[in-house]
């Protein structure tokens, strides 16, 4: 997140850590890819969405299939 040559941050972690990591990434002006599930509750998800929208940055929810047997 601190590197100037990084434009996008992919957050692949447990939902409990995402609100803080989204906050840090937004503060660093990074675009986001957030792996599903993106929140532990609707309220938490809406709070992150509001922060992302207010920042004017792009964010997409992703679904990594690298461990899916069909993809492997």
C-alpha atoms as a PDB file:
ATOM      1  CA  UNK A   1       0.000   0.000   0.000  1.00  0.00           C
ATOM      2  CA  UNK A   2       2.891   2.356   0.695  1.00  0.00           C
ATOM      3  CA  UNK A   3       4.623   1.817  -2.648  1.00  0.00           C
ATOM      4  CA  UNK A   4       4.219   4.656  -5.134  1.00  0.00           C
ATOM      5  CA  UNK A   5       4.522   2.277  -8.111  1.00  0.00           C
ATOM      6  CA  UNK A   6       1.462   0.239  -7.047  1.00  0.00           C
ATOM      7  CA  UNK A   7      -1.877   1.441  -8.391  1.00  0.00           C
ATOM      8  CA  UNK A   8      -4.191  -1.376  -7.273  1.00  0.00           C
ATOM      9  CA  UNK A   9      -4.396  -3.351  -4.056  1.00  0.00           C
ATOM     10  CA  UNK A  10      -5.980  -6.810  -3.956  1.00  0.00           C
ATOM     11  CA  UNK A  11      -7.408  -7.595  -0.538  1.00  0.00           C
ATOM     12  CA  UNK A  12      -7.656 -11.356  -0.003  1.00  0.00           C
ATOM     13  CA  UNK A  13      -8.246 -11.864   3.677  1.00  0.00           C
ATOM     14  CA  UNK A  14     -10.927 -12.636   6.210  1.00  0.00           C
ATOM     15  CA  UNK A  15     -13.859 -10.192   6.276  1.00  0.00           C
ATOM     16  CA  UNK A  16     -13.019  -9.056   9.824  1.00  0.00           C
ATOM     17  CA  UNK A  17      -9.849  -7.371   8.528  1.00  0.00           C
ATOM     18  CA  UNK A  18     -11.329  -5.729   5.446  1.00  0.00           C
ATOM     19  CA  UNK A  19     -12.800  -2.514   6.934  1.00  0.00           C
ATOM     20  CA  UNK A  20      -9.421  -1.386   8.274  1.00  0.00           C
ATOM     21  CA  UNK A  21      -7.531  -2.485   5.155  1.00  0.00           C
ATOM     22  CA  UNK A  22     -10.006  -0.685   2.897  1.00  0.00           C
ATOM     23  CA  UNK A  23      -9.521   2.423   5.033  1.00  0.00           C
ATOM     24  CA  UNK A  24      -5.725   2.185   4.720  1.00  0.00           C
ATOM     25  CA  UNK A  25      -5.880   1.594   0.966  1.00  0.00           C
ATOM     26  CA  UNK A  26      -8.221   4.543   0.450  1.00  0.00           C
ATOM     27  CA  UNK A  27      -5.952   6.791   2.498  1.00  0.00           C
ATOM     28  CA  UNK A  28      -3.090   5.730   0.207  1.00  0.00           C
ATOM     29  CA  UNK A  29      -5.278   6.496  -2.865  1.00  0.00           C
ATOM     30  CA  UNK A  30      -5.178   2.920  -4.176  1.00  0.00           C
ATOM     31  CA  UNK A  31      -7.794   1.286  -6.357  1.00  0.00           C
ATOM     32  CA  UNK A  32      -9.179  -1.912  -4.860  1.00  0.00           C
ATOM     33  CA  UNK A  33     -10.057  -5.484  -5.679  1.00  0.00           C
ATOM     34  CA  UNK A  34     -11.771  -6.991  -2.649  1.00  0.00           C
ATOM     35  CA  UNK A  35     -12.268 -10.746  -2.532  1.00  0.00           C
ATOM     36  CA  UNK A  36     -15.652 -12.105  -1.476  1.00  0.00           C
ATOM     37  CA  UNK A  37     -17.112 -12.129   1.070  1.00  0.00           C
ATOM     38  CA  UNK A  38     -16.532  -8.399   1.402  1.00  0.00           C
ATOM     39  CA  UNK A  39     -18.148  -7.842   4.798  1.00  0.00           C
ATOM     40  CA  UNK A  40     -19.455  -9.571   7.891  1.00  0.00           C
ATOM     41  CA  UNK A  41     -22.753  -7.695   7.756  1.00  0.00           C
ATOM     42  CA  UNK A  42     -24.774  -5.500   5.440  1.00  0.00           C
ATOM     43  CA  UNK A  43     -24.069  -2.480   7.656  1.00  0.00           C
ATOM     44  CA  UNK A  44     -20.325  -3.098   7.518  1.00  0.00           C
ATOM     45  CA  UNK A  45     -20.452  -3.526   3.755  1.00  0.00           C
ATOM     46  CA  UNK A  46     -22.472  -0.347   3.299  1.00  0.00           C
ATOM     47  CA  UNK A  47     -20.013   1.592   5.469  1.00  0.00           C
ATOM     48  CA  UNK A  48     -17.095   0.406   3.310  1.00  0.00           C
ATOM     49  CA  UNK A  49     -19.056   1.213   0.165  1.00  0.00           C
ATOM     50  CA  UNK A  50     -19.769   4.742   1.398  1.00  0.00           C
ATOM     51  CA  UNK A  51     -16.078   5.298   2.165  1.00  0.00           C
ATOM     52  CA  UNK A  52     -15.027   3.974  -1.240  1.00  0.00           C
ATOM     53  CA  UNK A  53     -17.609   6.075  -3.078  1.00  0.00           C
ATOM     54  CA  UNK A  54     -16.619   9.184  -1.117  1.00  0.00           C
ATOM     55  CA  UNK A  55     -12.984   8.614  -2.079  1.00  0.00           C
ATOM     56  CA  UNK A  56     -13.753   8.583  -5.799  1.00  0.00           C
ATOM     57  CA  UNK A  57     -11.593   5.472  -6.199  1.00  0.00           C
ATOM     58  CA  UNK A  58     -12.517   2.338  -8.092  1.00  0.00           C
ATOM     59  CA  UNK A  59     -13.298  -0.919  -6.318  1.00  0.00           C
ATOM     60  CA  UNK A  60     -14.442  -4.290  -7.591  1.00  0.00           C
ATOM     61  CA  UNK A  61     -15.437  -7.405  -5.689  1.00  0.00           C
ATOM     62  CA  UNK A  62     -13.597 -10.453  -6.950  1.00  0.00           C
ATOM     63  CA  UNK A  63     -13.948 -14.171  -6.636  1.00  0.00           C
ATOM     64  CA  UNK A  64     -10.665 -16.026  -6.944  1.00  0.00           C
ATOM     65  CA  UNK A  65     -11.067 -19.490  -8.368  1.00  0.00           C
ATOM     66  CA  UNK A  66      -7.410 -20.548  -8.222  1.00  0.00           C
ATOM     67  CA  UNK A  67      -8.215 -23.279  -5.683  1.00  0.00           C
ATOM     68  CA  UNK A  68     -11.290 -24.505  -7.547  1.00  0.00           C
ATOM     69  CA  UNK A  69     -10.736 -28.048  -8.864  1.00  0.00           C
ATOM     70  CA  UNK A  70     -12.351 -27.206 -12.205  1.00  0.00           C
ATOM     71  CA  UNK A  71      -9.915 -24.334 -12.750  1.00  0.00           C
ATOM     72  CA  UNK A  72      -6.894 -26.345 -11.606  1.00  0.00           C
END
